[in-house]
Amino acid sequence: MSDHCPECDVGWWPYQTDHGHCPACGGGTVPSAEAASEDVDTLYRIARDEAAKREIYEHFEIYYAQRELERLAA
């Protein structure tokens, strides 16, 4: 049993999806009777690392935008 993402064509283990959303593309997944893809663990680590990088970049962008506003207000 796996959750299949039609966009990525990957069968994820159910614990790897975020409430039915693909960890790689964010699209919806469909329950499937087939086993998960062979390289799903590697793909999951890559998707998780990419999501962490995006979160870090978002925090940096917010920090520098606030810093620039404070600099302009001074």
N, C-alpha and C. Protein backbone atom coordinates (compact mmCIF):
# COMPACT_ATOMS: atom_id res chain seq x y z
N MET A 1 0.84 -1.18 0.00
CA MET A 1 0.00 0.00 0.00
C MET A 1 0.88 1.24 0.00
N SER A 2 0.63 2.15 -0.90
CA SER A 2 1.41 3.39 -0.98
C SER A 2 0.50 4.53 -1.40
N ASP A 3 1.03 5.72 -1.34
CA ASP A 3 0.34 6.91 -1.84
C ASP A 3 1.08 7.35 -3.10
N HIS A 4 0.42 7.28 -4.23
CA HIS A 4 1.06 7.58 -5.51
C HIS A 4 0.82 9.03 -5.91
N CYS A 5 1.90 9.72 -6.29
CA CYS A 5 1.80 11.09 -6.81
C CYS A 5 1.82 11.01 -8.33
N PRO A 6 0.73 11.37 -9.00
CA PRO A 6 0.71 11.30 -10.46
C PRO A 6 1.66 12.30 -11.12
N GLU A 7 1.92 13.44 -10.49
CA GLU A 7 2.83 14.43 -11.08
C GLU A 7 4.27 13.95 -11.08
N CYS A 8 4.71 13.42 -9.93
CA CYS A 8 6.10 12.96 -9.80
C CYS A 8 6.27 11.51 -10.22
N ASP A 9 5.15 10.80 -10.36
CA ASP A 9 5.16 9.37 -10.66
C ASP A 9 6.00 8.60 -9.65
N VAL A 10 5.73 8.88 -8.37
CA VAL A 10 6.43 8.22 -7.27
C VAL A 10 5.39 7.65 -6.32
N GLY A 11 5.65 6.43 -5.86
CA GLY A 11 4.81 5.82 -4.84
C GLY A 11 5.44 6.06 -3.48
N TRP A 12 4.82 6.89 -2.66
CA TRP A 12 5.35 7.23 -1.33
C TRP A 12 4.74 6.31 -0.29
N TRP A 13 5.49 6.04 0.78
CA TRP A 13 4.91 5.35 1.92
C TRP A 13 3.95 6.33 2.58
N PRO A 14 2.84 5.86 3.12
CA PRO A 14 1.84 6.78 3.70
C PRO A 14 2.40 7.71 4.78
N TYR A 15 3.37 7.26 5.57
CA TYR A 15 3.92 8.13 6.61
C TYR A 15 4.79 9.24 6.03
N GLN A 16 5.16 9.14 4.76
CA GLN A 16 6.00 10.17 4.14
C GLN A 16 5.20 11.32 3.56
N THR A 17 3.93 11.10 3.32
CA THR A 17 3.11 12.17 2.74
C THR A 17 2.57 13.06 3.85
N ASP A 18 2.31 14.28 3.51
CA ASP A 18 1.79 15.25 4.47
C ASP A 18 0.29 15.38 4.26
N HIS A 19 -0.48 14.54 4.93
CA HIS A 19 -1.94 14.55 4.82
C HIS A 19 -2.39 14.45 3.36
N GLY A 20 -1.78 13.52 2.62
CA GLY A 20 -2.16 13.30 1.23
C GLY A 20 -1.48 14.19 0.22
N HIS A 21 -0.46 14.93 0.66
CA HIS A 21 0.28 15.80 -0.26
C HIS A 21 1.69 15.25 -0.47
N CYS A 22 2.13 15.28 -1.70
CA CYS A 22 3.45 14.78 -2.08
C CYS A 22 4.54 15.63 -1.43
N PRO A 23 5.55 15.01 -0.81
CA PRO A 23 6.62 15.79 -0.20
C PRO A 23 7.53 16.47 -1.22
N ALA A 24 7.53 16.00 -2.46
CA ALA A 24 8.41 16.59 -3.47
C ALA A 24 7.78 17.79 -4.15
N CYS A 25 6.53 17.64 -4.63
CA CYS A 25 5.92 18.72 -5.41
C CYS A 25 4.78 19.41 -4.68
N GLY A 26 4.27 18.79 -3.62
CA GLY A 26 3.16 19.38 -2.88
C GLY A 26 1.80 19.06 -3.45
N GLY A 27 1.77 18.33 -4.56
CA GLY A 27 0.50 17.96 -5.17
C GLY A 27 -0.19 16.86 -4.38
N GLY A 28 -1.38 16.53 -4.80
CA GLY A 28 -2.15 15.49 -4.13
C GLY A 28 -1.68 14.10 -4.50
N THR A 29 -1.86 13.17 -3.57
CA THR A 29 -1.52 11.78 -3.83
C THR A 29 -2.79 10.93 -3.84
N VAL A 30 -2.69 9.78 -4.47
CA VAL A 30 -3.81 8.86 -4.60
C VAL A 30 -3.41 7.54 -3.96
N PRO A 31 -4.24 6.97 -3.08
CA PRO A 31 -3.90 5.67 -2.51
C PRO A 31 -3.74 4.62 -3.60
N SER A 32 -2.73 3.78 -3.44
CA SER A 32 -2.44 2.77 -4.43
C SER A 32 -2.18 1.44 -3.73
N ALA A 33 -2.56 0.35 -4.38
CA ALA A 33 -2.33 -0.98 -3.83
C ALA A 33 -0.89 -1.45 -4.08
N GLU A 34 -0.17 -0.75 -4.93
CA GLU A 34 1.20 -1.12 -5.25
C GLU A 34 2.15 -0.71 -4.13
N ALA A 35 3.29 -1.34 -4.10
CA ALA A 35 4.32 -0.99 -3.11
C ALA A 35 4.93 0.36 -3.47
N ALA A 36 5.58 0.98 -2.51
CA ALA A 36 6.24 2.27 -2.75
C ALA A 36 7.40 2.07 -3.74
N SER A 37 7.81 3.15 -4.37
CA SER A 37 8.92 3.10 -5.32
C SER A 37 10.20 2.64 -4.63
N GLU A 38 11.11 2.06 -5.42
CA GLU A 38 12.35 1.53 -4.86
C GLU A 38 13.23 2.61 -4.24
N ASP A 39 13.30 3.76 -4.86
CA ASP A 39 14.19 4.83 -4.39
C ASP A 39 13.45 5.88 -3.55
N VAL A 40 12.29 5.50 -2.99
CA VAL A 40 11.46 6.46 -2.28
C VAL A 40 12.16 7.03 -1.03
N ASP A 41 12.96 6.25 -0.34
CA ASP A 41 13.62 6.76 0.85
C ASP A 41 14.62 7.86 0.51
N THR A 42 15.36 7.67 -0.56
CA THR A 42 16.31 8.69 -1.02
C THR A 42 15.56 9.94 -1.49
N LEU A 43 14.50 9.74 -2.27
CA LEU A 43 13.71 10.88 -2.75
C LEU A 43 13.08 11.64 -1.59
N TYR A 44 12.65 10.92 -0.56
CA TYR A 44 12.06 11.58 0.60
C TYR A 44 13.09 12.44 1.33
N ARG A 45 14.30 11.92 1.50
CA ARG A 45 15.35 12.71 2.15
C ARG A 45 15.68 13.96 1.34
N ILE A 46 15.73 13.82 0.03
CA ILE A 46 16.01 14.97 -0.83
C ILE A 46 14.89 16.00 -0.71
N ALA A 47 13.64 15.55 -0.76
CA ALA A 47 12.49 16.47 -0.66
C ALA A 47 12.48 17.17 0.69
N ARG A 48 12.78 16.43 1.76
CA ARG A 48 12.79 17.00 3.11
C ARG A 48 13.91 18.04 3.24
N ASP A 49 15.08 17.74 2.68
CA ASP A 49 16.20 18.69 2.73
C ASP A 49 15.90 19.96 1.93
N GLU A 50 15.28 19.80 0.78
CA GLU A 50 14.92 20.96 -0.04
C GLU A 50 13.89 21.83 0.68
N ALA A 51 12.93 21.21 1.35
CA ALA A 51 11.93 21.97 2.10
C ALA A 51 12.59 22.74 3.24
N ALA A 52 13.58 22.13 3.89
CA ALA A 52 14.30 22.82 4.98
C ALA A 52 15.07 24.01 4.43
N LYS A 53 15.69 23.85 3.26
CA LYS A 53 16.42 24.97 2.64
C LYS A 53 15.47 26.11 2.30
N ARG A 54 14.30 25.79 1.74
CA ARG A 54 13.33 26.83 1.40
C ARG A 54 12.89 27.59 2.66
N GLU A 55 12.69 26.86 3.75
CA GLU A 55 12.28 27.50 5.00
C GLU A 55 13.37 28.43 5.52
N ILE A 56 14.62 28.00 5.44
CA ILE A 56 15.73 28.85 5.89
C ILE A 56 15.81 30.11 5.05
N TYR A 57 15.69 29.96 3.71
CA TYR A 57 15.75 31.13 2.84
C TYR A 57 14.61 32.10 3.11
N GLU A 58 13.42 31.56 3.41
CA GLU A 58 12.29 32.43 3.74
C GLU A 58 12.57 33.24 5.00
N HIS A 59 13.18 32.60 6.01
CA HIS A 59 13.50 33.31 7.25
C HIS A 59 14.54 34.41 6.98
N PHE A 60 15.54 34.11 6.14
CA PHE A 60 16.54 35.12 5.80
C PHE A 60 15.91 36.29 5.07
N GLU A 61 15.02 36.01 4.13
CA GLU A 61 14.36 37.09 3.38
C GLU A 61 13.55 37.98 4.31
N ILE A 62 12.83 37.38 5.25
CA ILE A 62 12.03 38.17 6.20
C ILE A 62 12.95 39.00 7.08
N TYR A 63 14.04 38.40 7.55
CA TYR A 63 14.98 39.11 8.42
C TYR A 63 15.58 40.32 7.70
N TYR A 64 16.06 40.11 6.47
CA TYR A 64 16.69 41.22 5.75
C TYR A 64 15.68 42.28 5.33
N ALA A 65 14.44 41.89 5.04
CA ALA A 65 13.42 42.88 4.70
C ALA A 65 13.11 43.74 5.93
N GLN A 66 13.00 43.13 7.09
CA GLN A 66 12.76 43.89 8.32
C GLN A 66 13.95 44.80 8.63
N ARG A 67 15.14 44.27 8.45
CA ARG A 67 16.34 45.07 8.72
C ARG A 67 16.41 46.29 7.80
N GLU A 68 16.04 46.09 6.54
CA GLU A 68 16.06 47.20 5.58
C GLU A 68 15.00 48.25 5.94
N LEU A 69 13.82 47.79 6.37
CA LEU A 69 12.78 48.74 6.79
C LEU A 69 13.22 49.53 8.01
N GLU A 70 13.86 48.88 8.96
CA GLU A 70 14.36 49.57 10.14
C GLU A 70 15.45 50.57 9.77
N ARG A 71 16.29 50.20 8.82
CA ARG A 71 17.37 51.09 8.38
C ARG A 71 16.78 52.33 7.70
N LEU A 72 15.75 52.12 6.88
CA LEU A 72 15.13 53.26 6.19
C LEU A 72 14.35 54.14 7.15
N ALA A 73 13.80 53.56 8.21
CA ALA A 73 13.03 54.33 9.18
C ALA A 73 13.94 55.16 10.08
N ALA A 74 15.19 54.75 10.23
CA ALA A 74 16.11 55.46 11.13
C ALA A 74 16.62 56.75 10.56
